[in-house]
């Protein structure tokens, strides 16, 4: 069953785009379900998934989540992992540095994650 947001999007796309109207008619309503994961875990998944295959990203995320007793991936537990532990999960040096920067940013602005959905895309 489609969520109200998907139904609204479907109505909009059907009215505004003939190609999307045809696809929606052929394929039916959206069957995706919203991901209930916390915002920090979603950011971690995004960092992991950058520039690698979905299969690799899923594998790395599963290893990382297992290492911290998740999912979700709590910031405080992720912060305790050593570089070697992160590397053993499959995280490259650049991804480790990116996650470190994300953790520092979240610590400096703790309200940011709670307000994330209200922020514009910029």
PDB file of N, CA and C in Angstrom:
ATOM      1  N   UNK A   1       0.845  -1.175   0.000  1.00  0.00           N
ATOM      2  CA  UNK A   1       0.000   0.000   0.000  1.00  0.00           C
ATOM      3  C   UNK A   1       0.895   1.244   0.000  1.00  0.00           C
ATOM      4  N   UNK A   2       0.544   2.212  -0.815  1.00  0.00           N
ATOM      5  CA  UNK A   2       1.315   3.451  -0.919  1.00  0.00           C
ATOM      6  C   UNK A   2       1.068   4.346   0.285  1.00  0.00           C
ATOM      7  N   UNK A   3       2.122   5.045   0.688  1.00  0.00           N
ATOM      8  CA  UNK A   3       1.976   6.015   1.762  1.00  0.00           C
ATOM      9  C   UNK A   3       1.359   7.283   1.184  1.00  0.00           C
ATOM     10  N   UNK A   4       0.793   8.160   2.042  1.00  0.00           N
ATOM     11  CA  UNK A   4       0.214   9.414   1.543  1.00  0.00           C
ATOM     12  C   UNK A   4       1.216  10.253   0.742  1.00  0.00           C
ATOM     13  N   UNK A   5       2.493  10.248   1.147  1.00  0.00           N
ATOM     14  CA  UNK A   5       3.510  11.004   0.404  1.00  0.00           C
ATOM     15  C   UNK A   5       3.681  10.450  -1.000  1.00  0.00           C
ATOM     16  N   UNK A   6       3.696   9.118  -1.131  1.00  0.00           N
ATOM     17  CA  UNK A   6       3.846   8.505  -2.442  1.00  0.00           C
ATOM     18  C   UNK A   6       2.608   8.772  -3.296  1.00  0.00           C
ATOM     19  N   UNK A   7       1.430   8.734  -2.670  1.00  0.00           N
ATOM     20  CA  UNK A   7       0.199   8.996  -3.414  1.00  0.00           C
ATOM     21  C   UNK A   7       0.187  10.428  -3.940  1.00  0.00           C
ATOM     22  N   UNK A   8       0.635  11.367  -3.124  1.00  0.00           N
ATOM     23  CA  UNK A   8       0.706  12.764  -3.545  1.00  0.00           C
ATOM     24  C   UNK A   8       1.698  12.912  -4.701  1.00  0.00           C
ATOM     25  N   UNK A   9       2.851  12.267  -4.584  1.00  0.00           N
ATOM     26  CA  UNK A   9       3.858  12.329  -5.647  1.00  0.00           C
ATOM     27  C   UNK A   9       3.328  11.693  -6.929  1.00  0.00           C
ATOM     28  N   UNK A  10       2.642  10.583  -6.793  1.00  0.00           N
ATOM     29  CA  UNK A  10       2.080   9.898  -7.958  1.00  0.00           C
ATOM     30  C   UNK A  10       1.065  10.795  -8.668  1.00  0.00           C
ATOM     31  N   UNK A  11       0.191  11.454  -7.913  1.00  0.00           N
ATOM     32  CA  UNK A  11      -0.783  12.373  -8.517  1.00  0.00           C
ATOM     33  C   UNK A  11      -0.078  13.498  -9.263  1.00  0.00           C
ATOM     34  N   UNK A  12       0.939  14.064  -8.625  1.00  0.00           N
ATOM     35  CA  UNK A  12       1.680  15.167  -9.236  1.00  0.00           C
ATOM     36  C   UNK A  12       2.354  14.716 -10.533  1.00  0.00           C
ATOM     37  N   UNK A  13       3.061  13.591 -10.481  1.00  0.00           N
ATOM     38  CA  UNK A  13       3.779  13.105 -11.657  1.00  0.00           C
ATOM     39  C   UNK A  13       2.826  12.732 -12.790  1.00  0.00           C
ATOM     40  N   UNK A  14       1.689  12.157 -12.431  1.00  0.00           N
ATOM     41  CA  UNK A  14       0.720  11.763 -13.454  1.00  0.00           C
ATOM     42  C   UNK A  14       0.143  12.979 -14.166  1.00  0.00           C
ATOM     43  N   UNK A  15      -0.032  14.064 -13.425  1.00  0.00           N
ATOM     44  CA  UNK A  15      -0.576  15.295 -14.036  1.00  0.00           C
ATOM     45  C   UNK A  15       0.470  16.035 -14.856  1.00  0.00           C
ATOM     46  N   UNK A  16       1.716  16.004 -14.422  1.00  0.00           N
ATOM     47  CA  UNK A  16       2.742  16.862 -15.015  1.00  0.00           C
ATOM     48  C   UNK A  16       3.604  16.205 -16.092  1.00  0.00           C
ATOM     49  N   UNK A  17       3.661  14.891 -16.110  1.00  0.00           N
ATOM     50  CA  UNK A  17       4.607  14.229 -17.016  1.00  0.00           C
ATOM     51  C   UNK A  17       3.941  13.035 -17.710  1.00  0.00           C
ATOM     52  N   UNK A  18       3.730  13.120 -19.024  1.00  0.00           N
ATOM     53  CA  UNK A  18       3.079  12.013 -19.734  1.00  0.00           C
ATOM     54  C   UNK A  18       3.869  10.697 -19.667  1.00  0.00           C
ATOM     55  N   UNK A  19       5.184  10.791 -19.647  1.00  0.00           N
ATOM     56  CA  UNK A  19       5.997   9.572 -19.568  1.00  0.00           C
ATOM     57  C   UNK A  19       5.785   8.896 -18.212  1.00  0.00           C
ATOM     58  N   UNK A  20       5.837   9.683 -17.134  1.00  0.00           N
ATOM     59  CA  UNK A  20       5.614   9.108 -15.796  1.00  0.00           C
ATOM     60  C   UNK A  20       4.189   8.587 -15.659  1.00  0.00           C
ATOM     61  N   UNK A  21       3.236   9.273 -16.265  1.00  0.00           N
ATOM     62  CA  UNK A  21       1.842   8.807 -16.213  1.00  0.00           C
ATOM     63  C   UNK A  21       1.740   7.412 -16.827  1.00  0.00           C
ATOM     64  N   UNK A  22       2.383   7.235 -17.987  1.00  0.00           N
ATOM     65  CA  UNK A  22       2.349   5.938 -18.656  1.00  0.00           C
ATOM     66  C   UNK A  22       3.041   4.868 -17.800  1.00  0.00           C
ATOM     67  N   UNK A  23       4.191   5.204 -17.213  1.00  0.00           N
ATOM     68  CA  UNK A  23       4.912   4.240 -16.377  1.00  0.00           C
ATOM     69  C   UNK A  23       4.109   3.867 -15.126  1.00  0.00           C
ATOM     70  N   UNK A  24       3.525   4.857 -14.488  1.00  0.00           N
ATOM     71  CA  UNK A  24       2.737   4.594 -13.275  1.00  0.00           C
ATOM     72  C   UNK A  24       1.537   3.718 -13.610  1.00  0.00           C
ATOM     73  N   UNK A  25       0.917   3.983 -14.759  1.00  0.00           N
ATOM     74  CA  UNK A  25      -0.220   3.168 -15.185  1.00  0.00           C
ATOM     75  C   UNK A  25       0.222   1.726 -15.436  1.00  0.00           C
ATOM     76  N   UNK A  26       1.383   1.559 -16.076  1.00  0.00           N
ATOM     77  CA  UNK A  26       1.892   0.216 -16.374  1.00  0.00           C
ATOM     78  C   UNK A  26       2.348  -0.525 -15.117  1.00  0.00           C
ATOM     79  N   UNK A  27       3.064   0.171 -14.229  1.00  0.00           N
ATOM     80  CA  UNK A  27       3.704  -0.488 -13.095  1.00  0.00           C
ATOM     81  C   UNK A  27       2.873  -0.510 -11.822  1.00  0.00           C
ATOM     82  N   UNK A  28       1.929   0.390 -11.716  1.00  0.00           N
ATOM     83  CA  UNK A  28       1.104   0.460 -10.515  1.00  0.00           C
ATOM     84  C   UNK A  28       1.722   1.363  -9.460  1.00  0.00           C
ATOM     85  N   UNK A  29       1.126   1.413  -8.289  1.00  0.00           N
ATOM     86  CA  UNK A  29       1.599   2.324  -7.246  1.00  0.00           C
ATOM     87  C   UNK A  29       2.952   1.907  -6.677  1.00  0.00           C
ATOM     88  N   UNK A  30       3.613   2.862  -6.088  1.00  0.00           N
ATOM     89  CA  UNK A  30       4.905   2.616  -5.452  1.00  0.00           C
ATOM     90  C   UNK A  30       4.724   1.660  -4.278  1.00  0.00           C
ATOM     91  N   UNK A  31       5.601   0.688  -4.193  1.00  0.00           N
ATOM     92  CA  UNK A  31       5.512  -0.290  -3.103  1.00  0.00           C
ATOM     93  C   UNK A  31       6.664  -0.167  -2.114  1.00  0.00           C
ATOM     94  N   UNK A  32       7.480   0.885  -2.274  1.00  0.00           N
ATOM     95  CA  UNK A  32       8.563   1.092  -1.314  1.00  0.00           C
ATOM     96  C   UNK A  32       7.990   1.451   0.045  1.00  0.00           C
ATOM     97  N   UNK A  33       8.685   1.052   1.078  1.00  0.00           N
ATOM     98  CA  UNK A  33       8.267   1.438   2.418  1.00  0.00           C
ATOM     99  C   UNK A  33       9.335   2.342   3.017  1.00  0.00           C
ATOM    100  N   UNK A  34       8.916   3.368   3.749  1.00  0.00           N
ATOM    101  CA  UNK A  34       9.910   4.273   4.340  1.00  0.00           C
ATOM    102  C   UNK A  34      10.854   3.513   5.260  1.00  0.00           C
ATOM    103  N   UNK A  35      12.108   3.923   5.259  1.00  0.00           N
ATOM    104  CA  UNK A  35      13.115   3.307   6.112  1.00  0.00           C
ATOM    105  C   UNK A  35      13.049   3.971   7.485  1.00  0.00           C
ATOM    106  N   UNK A  36      12.756   3.206   8.520  1.00  0.00           N
ATOM    107  CA  UNK A  36      12.602   3.795   9.842  1.00  0.00           C
ATOM    108  C   UNK A  36      13.928   4.055  10.570  1.00  0.00           C
ATOM    109  N   UNK A  37      15.043   3.810   9.897  1.00  0.00           N
ATOM    110  CA  UNK A  37      16.343   3.969  10.563  1.00  0.00           C
ATOM    111  C   UNK A  37      16.546   5.410  11.017  1.00  0.00           C
ATOM    112  N   UNK A  38      17.344   5.556  12.029  1.00  0.00           N
ATOM    113  CA  UNK A  38      17.626   6.893  12.547  1.00  0.00           C
ATOM    114  C   UNK A  38      18.489   7.669  11.551  1.00  0.00           C
ATOM    115  N   UNK A  39      18.456   8.997  11.615  1.00  0.00           N
ATOM    116  CA  UNK A  39      19.196   9.810  10.640  1.00  0.00           C
ATOM    117  C   UNK A  39      20.703   9.537  10.618  1.00  0.00           C
ATOM    118  N   UNK A  40      21.325   9.308  11.759  1.00  0.00           N
ATOM    119  CA  UNK A  40      22.768   9.056  11.778  1.00  0.00           C
ATOM    120  C   UNK A  40      23.099   7.781  11.009  1.00  0.00           C
ATOM    121  N   UNK A  41      22.323   6.727  11.225  1.00  0.00           N
ATOM    122  CA  UNK A  41      22.550   5.473  10.510  1.00  0.00           C
ATOM    123  C   UNK A  41      22.383   5.675   9.008  1.00  0.00           C
ATOM    124  N   UNK A  42      21.412   6.475   8.602  1.00  0.00           N
ATOM    125  CA  UNK A  42      21.215   6.745   7.181  1.00  0.00           C
ATOM    126  C   UNK A  42      22.422   7.469   6.587  1.00  0.00           C
ATOM    127  N   UNK A  43      22.981   8.414   7.332  1.00  0.00           N
ATOM    128  CA  UNK A  43      24.173   9.119   6.857  1.00  0.00           C
ATOM    129  C   UNK A  43      25.349   8.143   6.732  1.00  0.00           C
ATOM    130  N   UNK A  44      25.506   7.271   7.722  1.00  0.00           N
ATOM    131  CA  UNK A  44      26.577   6.267   7.673  1.00  0.00           C
ATOM    132  C   UNK A  44      26.417   5.407   6.418  1.00  0.00           C
ATOM    133  N   UNK A  45      25.189   4.974   6.144  1.00  0.00           N
ATOM    134  CA  UNK A  45      24.935   4.153   4.943  1.00  0.00           C
ATOM    135  C   UNK A  45      25.285   4.919   3.676  1.00  0.00           C
ATOM    136  N   UNK A  46      24.960   6.202   3.643  1.00  0.00           N
ATOM    137  CA  UNK A  46      25.273   7.027   2.457  1.00  0.00           C
ATOM    138  C   UNK A  46      26.779   7.124   2.247  1.00  0.00           C
ATOM    139  N   UNK A  47      27.512   7.347   3.324  1.00  0.00           N
ATOM    140  CA  UNK A  47      28.976   7.437   3.213  1.00  0.00           C
ATOM    141  C   UNK A  47      29.533   6.110   2.711  1.00  0.00           C
ATOM    142  N   UNK A  48      29.076   5.028   3.279  1.00  0.00           N
ATOM    143  CA  UNK A  48      29.569   3.707   2.877  1.00  0.00           C
ATOM    144  C   UNK A  48      29.263   3.449   1.404  1.00  0.00           C
ATOM    145  N   UNK A  49      28.088   3.835   0.961  1.00  0.00           N
ATOM    146  CA  UNK A  49      27.642   3.512  -0.386  1.00  0.00           C
ATOM    147  C   UNK A  49      28.213   4.366  -1.500  1.00  0.00           C
ATOM    148  N   UNK A  50      28.931   5.417  -1.162  1.00  0.00           N
ATOM    149  CA  UNK A  50      29.454   6.298  -2.200  1.00  0.00           C
ATOM    150  C   UNK A  50      30.494   5.588  -3.058  1.00  0.00           C
ATOM    151  N   UNK A  51      30.275   5.621  -4.345  1.00  0.00           N
ATOM    152  CA  UNK A  51      31.223   5.160  -5.363  1.00  0.00           C
ATOM    153  C   UNK A  51      31.585   3.683  -5.269  1.00  0.00           C
ATOM    154  N   UNK A  52      30.705   2.871  -4.698  1.00  0.00           N
ATOM    155  CA  UNK A  52      30.904   1.418  -4.717  1.00  0.00           C
ATOM    156  C   UNK A  52      29.572   0.760  -5.056  1.00  0.00           C
ATOM    157  N   UNK A  53      29.612  -0.503  -5.374  1.00  0.00           N
ATOM    158  CA  UNK A  53      28.386  -1.215  -5.746  1.00  0.00           C
ATOM    159  C   UNK A  53      27.456  -1.353  -4.547  1.00  0.00           C
ATOM    160  N   UNK A  54      26.198  -1.506  -4.836  1.00  0.00           N
ATOM    161  CA  UNK A  54      25.196  -1.698  -3.785  1.00  0.00           C
ATOM    162  C   UNK A  54      25.502  -2.946  -2.972  1.00  0.00           C
ATOM    163  N   UNK A  55      25.916  -3.994  -3.650  1.00  0.00           N
ATOM    164  CA  UNK A  55      26.226  -5.256  -2.962  1.00  0.00           C
ATOM    165  C   UNK A  55      27.388  -5.066  -1.991  1.00  0.00           C
ATOM    166  N   UNK A  56      28.434  -4.377  -2.426  1.00  0.00           N
ATOM    167  CA  UNK A  56      29.579  -4.113  -1.549  1.00  0.00           C
ATOM    168  C   UNK A  56      29.164  -3.232  -0.375  1.00  0.00           C
ATOM    169  N   UNK A  57      28.395  -2.204  -0.659  1.00  0.00           N
ATOM    170  CA  UNK A  57      27.953  -1.289   0.393  1.00  0.00           C
ATOM    171  C   UNK A  57      27.114  -2.029   1.437  1.00  0.00           C
ATOM    172  N   UNK A  58      26.218  -2.886   0.987  1.00  0.00           N
ATOM    173  CA  UNK A  58      25.393  -3.656   1.922  1.00  0.00           C
ATOM    174  C   UNK A  58      26.254  -4.564   2.794  1.00  0.00           C
ATOM    175  N   UNK A  59      27.244  -5.195   2.197  1.00  0.00           N
ATOM    176  CA  UNK A  59      28.139  -6.085   2.943  1.00  0.00           C
ATOM    177  C   UNK A  59      28.925  -5.307   4.002  1.00  0.00           C
ATOM    178  N   UNK A  60      29.482  -4.174   3.604  1.00  0.00           N
ATOM    179  CA  UNK A  60      30.259  -3.356   4.546  1.00  0.00           C
ATOM    180  C   UNK A  60      29.360  -2.851   5.667  1.00  0.00           C
ATOM    181  N   UNK A  61      28.164  -2.383   5.312  1.00  0.00           N
ATOM    182  CA  UNK A  61      27.257  -1.878   6.345  1.00  0.00           C
ATOM    183  C   UNK A  61      26.883  -2.991   7.325  1.00  0.00           C
ATOM    184  N   UNK A  62      26.591  -4.184   6.821  1.00  0.00           N
ATOM    185  CA  UNK A  62      26.242  -5.302   7.713  1.00  0.00           C
ATOM    186  C   UNK A  62      27.381  -5.602   8.682  1.00  0.00           C
ATOM    187  N   UNK A  63      28.618  -5.613   8.175  1.00  0.00           N
ATOM    188  CA  UNK A  63      29.769  -5.875   9.038  1.00  0.00           C
ATOM    189  C   UNK A  63      29.917  -4.783  10.093  1.00  0.00           C
ATOM    190  N   UNK A  64      29.765  -3.535   9.672  1.00  0.00           N
ATOM    191  CA  UNK A  64      29.886  -2.417  10.603  1.00  0.00           C
ATOM    192  C   UNK A  64      28.770  -2.461  11.651  1.00  0.00           C
ATOM    193  N   UNK A  65      27.545  -2.688  11.193  1.00  0.00           N
ATOM    194  CA  UNK A  65      26.417  -2.748  12.129  1.00  0.00           C
ATOM    195  C   UNK A  65      26.609  -3.876  13.139  1.00  0.00           C
ATOM    196  N   UNK A  66      27.087  -5.009  12.685  1.00  0.00           N
ATOM    197  CA  UNK A  66      27.355  -6.131  13.583  1.00  0.00           C
ATOM    198  C   UNK A  66      28.418  -5.750  14.608  1.00  0.00           C
ATOM    199  N   UNK A  67      29.453  -5.048  14.150  1.00  0.00           N
ATOM    200  CA  UNK A  67      30.560  -4.640  15.036  1.00  0.00           C
ATOM    201  C   UNK A  67      30.082  -3.741  16.173  1.00  0.00           C
ATOM    202  N   UNK A  68      29.047  -2.920  15.912  1.00  0.00           N
ATOM    203  CA  UNK A  68      28.550  -1.998  16.950  1.00  0.00           C
ATOM    204  C   UNK A  68      27.267  -2.491  17.603  1.00  0.00           C
ATOM    205  N   UNK A  69      26.856  -3.725  17.274  1.00  0.00           N
ATOM    206  CA  UNK A  69      25.668  -4.296  17.897  1.00  0.00           C
ATOM    207  C   UNK A  69      24.374  -3.753  17.328  1.00  0.00           C
ATOM    208  N   UNK A  70      24.391  -3.334  16.084  1.00  0.00           N
ATOM    209  CA  UNK A  70      23.201  -2.745  15.455  1.00  0.00           C
ATOM    210  C   UNK A  70      22.727  -3.601  14.311  1.00  0.00           C
ATOM    211  N   UNK A  71      21.974  -3.074  13.387  1.00  0.00           N
ATOM    212  CA  UNK A  71      21.594  -1.674  13.315  1.00  0.00           C
ATOM    213  C   UNK A  71      20.548  -1.309  14.358  1.00  0.00           C
ATOM    214  N   UNK A  72      20.401  -0.036  14.637  1.00  0.00           N
ATOM    215  CA  UNK A  72      21.085   1.120  14.056  1.00  0.00           C
ATOM    216  C   UNK A  72      22.553   1.188  14.477  1.00  0.00           C
ATOM    217  N   UNK A  73      23.250   2.188  13.919  1.00  0.00           N
ATOM    218  CA  UNK A  73      24.660   2.407  14.230  1.00  0.00           C
ATOM    219  C   UNK A  73      24.740   3.621  15.160  1.00  0.00           C
ATOM    220  N   UNK A  74      24.893   3.398  16.462  1.00  0.00           N
ATOM    221  CA  UNK A  74      24.973   4.523  17.390  1.00  0.00           C
ATOM    222  C   UNK A  74      26.309   5.260  17.249  1.00  0.00           C
ATOM    223  N   UNK A  75      26.268   6.564  17.244  1.00  0.00           N
ATOM    224  CA  UNK A  75      27.465   7.384  17.108  1.00  0.00           C
ATOM    225  C   UNK A  75      28.488   7.026  18.179  1.00  0.00           C
ATOM    226  N   UNK A  76      28.055   6.898  19.422  1.00  0.00           N
ATOM    227  CA  UNK A  76      29.015   6.653  20.506  1.00  0.00           C
ATOM    228  C   UNK A  76      29.744   5.329  20.330  1.00  0.00           C
ATOM    229  N   UNK A  77      29.072   4.315  19.797  1.00  0.00           N
ATOM    230  CA  UNK A  77      29.733   3.025  19.570  1.00  0.00           C
ATOM    231  C   UNK A  77      30.631   3.076  18.343  1.00  0.00           C
ATOM    232  N   UNK A  78      30.190   3.757  17.300  1.00  0.00           N
ATOM    233  CA  UNK A  78      31.017   3.897  16.106  1.00  0.00           C
ATOM    234  C   UNK A  78      32.302   4.653  16.439  1.00  0.00           C
ATOM    235  N   UNK A  79      32.189   5.668  17.277  1.00  0.00           N
ATOM    236  CA  UNK A  79      33.349   6.486  17.640  1.00  0.00           C
ATOM    237  C   UNK A  79      34.403   5.681  18.394  1.00  0.00           C
ATOM    238  N   UNK A  80      34.006   4.608  19.048  1.00  0.00           N
ATOM    239  CA  UNK A  80      34.952   3.787  19.815  1.00  0.00           C
ATOM    240  C   UNK A  80      35.758   2.825  18.948  1.00  0.00           C
ATOM    241  N   UNK A  81      35.348   2.630  17.705  1.00  0.00           N
ATOM    242  CA  UNK A  81      36.046   1.665  16.857  1.00  0.00           C
ATOM    243  C   UNK A  81      37.381   2.234  16.387  1.00  0.00           C
ATOM    244  N   UNK A  82      38.375   1.383  16.369  1.00  0.00           N
ATOM    245  CA  UNK A  82      39.700   1.788  15.888  1.00  0.00           C
ATOM    246  C   UNK A  82      39.716   1.778  14.360  1.00  0.00           C
ATOM    247  N   UNK A  83      40.760   2.381  13.805  1.00  0.00           N
ATOM    248  CA  UNK A  83      40.929   2.351  12.351  1.00  0.00           C
ATOM    249  C   UNK A  83      41.012   0.908  11.856  1.00  0.00           C
ATOM    250  N   UNK A  84      41.699   0.067  12.605  1.00  0.00           N
ATOM    251  CA  UNK A  84      41.820  -1.340  12.212  1.00  0.00           C
ATOM    252  C   UNK A  84      40.467  -2.044  12.212  1.00  0.00           C
ATOM    253  N   UNK A  85      39.640  -1.759  13.200  1.00  0.00           N
ATOM    254  CA  UNK A  85      38.312  -2.366  13.246  1.00  0.00           C
ATOM    255  C   UNK A  85      37.462  -1.890  12.073  1.00  0.00           C
ATOM    256  N   UNK A  86      37.544  -0.593  11.771  1.00  0.00           N
ATOM    257  CA  UNK A  86      36.788  -0.056  10.636  1.00  0.00           C
ATOM    258  C   UNK A  86      37.285  -0.664   9.324  1.00  0.00           C
ATOM    259  N   UNK A  87      38.591  -0.800   9.186  1.00  0.00           N
ATOM    260  CA  UNK A  87      39.174  -1.401   7.986  1.00  0.00           C
ATOM    261  C   UNK A  87      38.726  -2.857   7.859  1.00  0.00           C
ATOM    262  N   UNK A  88      38.647  -3.565   8.982  1.00  0.00           N
ATOM    263  CA  UNK A  88      38.203  -4.969   8.958  1.00  0.00           C
ATOM    264  C   UNK A  88      36.750  -5.083   8.488  1.00  0.00           C
ATOM    265  N   UNK A  89      35.982  -4.040   8.693  1.00  0.00           N
ATOM    266  CA  UNK A  89      34.593  -4.026   8.211  1.00  0.00           C
ATOM    267  C   UNK A  89      34.527  -3.720   6.715  1.00  0.00           C
ATOM    268  N   UNK A  90      35.641  -3.219   6.172  1.00  0.00           N
ATOM    269  CA  UNK A  90      35.678  -2.909   4.748  1.00  0.00           C
ATOM    270  C   UNK A  90      35.729  -1.433   4.425  1.00  0.00           C
ATOM    271  N   UNK A  91      35.859  -0.593   5.452  1.00  0.00           N
ATOM    272  CA  UNK A  91      35.885   0.852   5.223  1.00  0.00           C
ATOM    273  C   UNK A  91      37.281   1.315   4.818  1.00  0.00           C
ATOM    274  N   UNK A  92      37.359   2.002   3.705  1.00  0.00           N
ATOM    275  CA  UNK A  92      38.627   2.551   3.227  1.00  0.00           C
ATOM    276  C   UNK A  92      39.033   3.733   4.106  1.00  0.00           C
ATOM    277  N   UNK A  93      40.282   4.163   3.970  1.00  0.00           N
ATOM    278  CA  UNK A  93      40.764   5.329   4.707  1.00  0.00           C
ATOM    279  C   UNK A  93      39.920   6.572   4.466  1.00  0.00           C
ATOM    280  N   UNK A  94      39.600   6.912   3.191  1.00  0.00           N
ATOM    281  CA  UNK A  94      38.770   8.091   2.951  1.00  0.00           C
ATOM    282  C   UNK A  94      37.374   7.987   3.580  1.00  0.00           C
ATOM    283  N   UNK A  95      36.780   6.806   3.545  1.00  0.00           N
ATOM    284  CA  UNK A  95      35.454   6.648   4.167  1.00  0.00           C
ATOM    285  C   UNK A  95      35.565   6.773   5.693  1.00  0.00           C
ATOM    286  N   UNK A  96      36.646   6.274   6.266  1.00  0.00           N
ATOM    287  CA  UNK A  96      36.859   6.431   7.703  1.00  0.00           C
ATOM    288  C   UNK A  96      36.968   7.913   8.066  1.00  0.00           C
ATOM    289  N   UNK A  97      37.728   8.666   7.276  1.00  0.00           N
ATOM    290  CA  UNK A  97      37.893  10.100   7.548  1.00  0.00           C
ATOM    291  C   UNK A  97      36.574  10.843   7.378  1.00  0.00           C
ATOM    292  N   UNK A  98      35.784  10.440   6.387  1.00  0.00           N
ATOM    293  CA  UNK A  98      34.485  11.075   6.186  1.00  0.00           C
ATOM    294  C   UNK A  98      33.568  10.800   7.366  1.00  0.00           C
ATOM    295  N   UNK A  99      33.534   9.552   7.818  1.00  0.00           N
ATOM    296  CA  UNK A  99      32.695   9.225   8.981  1.00  0.00           C
ATOM    297  C   UNK A  99      33.172   9.976  10.224  1.00  0.00           C
ATOM    298  N   UNK A 100      34.473  10.115  10.381  1.00  0.00           N
ATOM    299  CA  UNK A 100      35.010  10.879  11.515  1.00  0.00           C
ATOM    300  C   UNK A 100      34.530  12.324  11.447  1.00  0.00           C
ATOM    301  N   UNK A 101      34.564  12.912  10.256  1.00  0.00           N
ATOM    302  CA  UNK A 101      34.101  14.289  10.085  1.00  0.00           C
ATOM    303  C   UNK A 101      32.604  14.409  10.375  1.00  0.00           C
ATOM    304  N   UNK A 102      31.830  13.422   9.946  1.00  0.00           N
ATOM    305  CA  UNK A 102      30.387  13.424  10.224  1.00  0.00           C
ATOM    306  C   UNK A 102      30.157  13.353  11.729  1.00  0.00           C
ATOM    307  N   UNK A 103      30.881  12.464  12.412  1.00  0.00           N
ATOM    308  CA  UNK A 103      30.718  12.330  13.864  1.00  0.00           C
ATOM    309  C   UNK A 103      31.078  13.634  14.570  1.00  0.00           C
ATOM    310  N   UNK A 104      32.153  14.267  14.157  1.00  0.00           N
ATOM    311  CA  UNK A 104      32.550  15.542  14.765  1.00  0.00           C
ATOM    312  C   UNK A 104      31.485  16.603  14.537  1.00  0.00           C
ATOM    313  N   UNK A 105      30.936  16.642  13.344  1.00  0.00           N
ATOM    314  CA  UNK A 105      29.893  17.627  13.027  1.00  0.00           C
ATOM    315  C   UNK A 105      28.639  17.387  13.873  1.00  0.00           C
ATOM    316  N   UNK A 106      28.243  16.135  14.004  1.00  0.00           N
ATOM    317  CA  UNK A 106      27.049  15.802  14.795  1.00  0.00           C
ATOM    318  C   UNK A 106      27.278  16.127  16.271  1.00  0.00           C
ATOM    319  N   UNK A 107      28.475  15.848  16.765  1.00  0.00           N
ATOM    320  CA  UNK A 107      28.780  16.188  18.166  1.00  0.00           C
ATOM    321  C   UNK A 107      28.735  17.701  18.377  1.00  0.00           C
ATOM    322  N   UNK A 108      29.249  18.465  17.408  1.00  0.00           N
ATOM    323  CA  UNK A 108      29.284  19.929  17.530  1.00  0.00           C
ATOM    324  C   UNK A 108      27.896  20.535  17.400  1.00  0.00           C
ATOM    325  N   UNK A 109      27.009  19.859  16.661  1.00  0.00           N
ATOM    326  CA  UNK A 109      25.650  20.361  16.448  1.00  0.00           C
ATOM    327  C   UNK A 109      24.652  19.247  16.729  1.00  0.00           C
ATOM    328  N   UNK A 110      24.467  18.892  17.989  1.00  0.00           N
ATOM    329  CA  UNK A 110      23.649  17.728  18.327  1.00  0.00           C
ATOM    330  C   UNK A 110      22.187  17.823  17.875  1.00  0.00           C
ATOM    331  N   UNK A 111      21.667  19.023  17.717  1.00  0.00           N
ATOM    332  CA  UNK A 111      20.266  19.168  17.300  1.00  0.00           C
ATOM    333  C   UNK A 111      20.089  18.959  15.794  1.00  0.00           C
ATOM    334  N   UNK A 112      21.204  18.965  15.058  1.00  0.00           N
ATOM    335  CA  UNK A 112      21.139  18.879  13.607  1.00  0.00           C
ATOM    336  C   UNK A 112      20.359  17.658  13.120  1.00  0.00           C
ATOM    337  N   UNK A 113      20.620  16.489  13.671  1.00  0.00           N
ATOM    338  CA  UNK A 113      19.967  15.274  13.190  1.00  0.00           C
ATOM    339  C   UNK A 113      18.462  15.311  13.411  1.00  0.00           C
ATOM    340  N   UNK A 114      18.041  15.844  14.531  1.00  0.00           N
ATOM    341  CA  UNK A 114      16.611  15.930  14.812  1.00  0.00           C
ATOM    342  C   UNK A 114      15.890  16.901  13.898  1.00  0.00           C
ATOM    343  N   UNK A 115      16.626  17.842  13.343  1.00  0.00           N
ATOM    344  CA  UNK A 115      16.041  18.852  12.470  1.00  0.00           C
ATOM    345  C   UNK A 115      16.304  18.563  10.995  1.00  0.00           C
ATOM    346  N   UNK A 116      16.909  17.429  10.701  1.00  0.00           N
ATOM    347  CA  UNK A 116      17.346  17.115   9.348  1.00  0.00           C
ATOM    348  C   UNK A 116      16.204  17.121   8.335  1.00  0.00           C
ATOM    349  N   UNK A 117      15.081  16.523   8.684  1.00  0.00           N
ATOM    350  CA  UNK A 117      13.970  16.433   7.741  1.00  0.00           C
ATOM    351  C   UNK A 117      13.397  17.801   7.383  1.00  0.00           C
ATOM    352  N   UNK A 118      13.550  18.781   8.251  1.00  0.00           N
ATOM    353  CA  UNK A 118      13.015  20.111   7.992  1.00  0.00           C
ATOM    354  C   UNK A 118      13.954  20.972   7.149  1.00  0.00           C
ATOM    355  N   UNK A 119      15.172  20.500   6.926  1.00  0.00           N
ATOM    356  CA  UNK A 119      16.153  21.274   6.169  1.00  0.00           C
ATOM    357  C   UNK A 119      15.880  21.147   4.668  1.00  0.00           C
ATOM    358  N   UNK A 120      16.227  22.220   3.938  1.00  0.00           N
ATOM    359  CA  UNK A 120      16.118  22.122   2.485  1.00  0.00           C
ATOM    360  C   UNK A 120      17.312  21.325   1.946  1.00  0.00           C
ATOM    361  N   UNK A 121      17.270  20.980   0.691  1.00  0.00           N
ATOM    362  CA  UNK A 121      18.302  20.132   0.101  1.00  0.00           C
ATOM    363  C   UNK A 121      19.684  20.782   0.119  1.00  0.00           C
ATOM    364  N   UNK A 122      19.745  22.092   0.025  1.00  0.00           N
ATOM    365  CA  UNK A 122      21.050  22.773   0.052  1.00  0.00           C
ATOM    366  C   UNK A 122      21.716  22.569   1.395  1.00  0.00           C
TER     367      UNK A 122
END
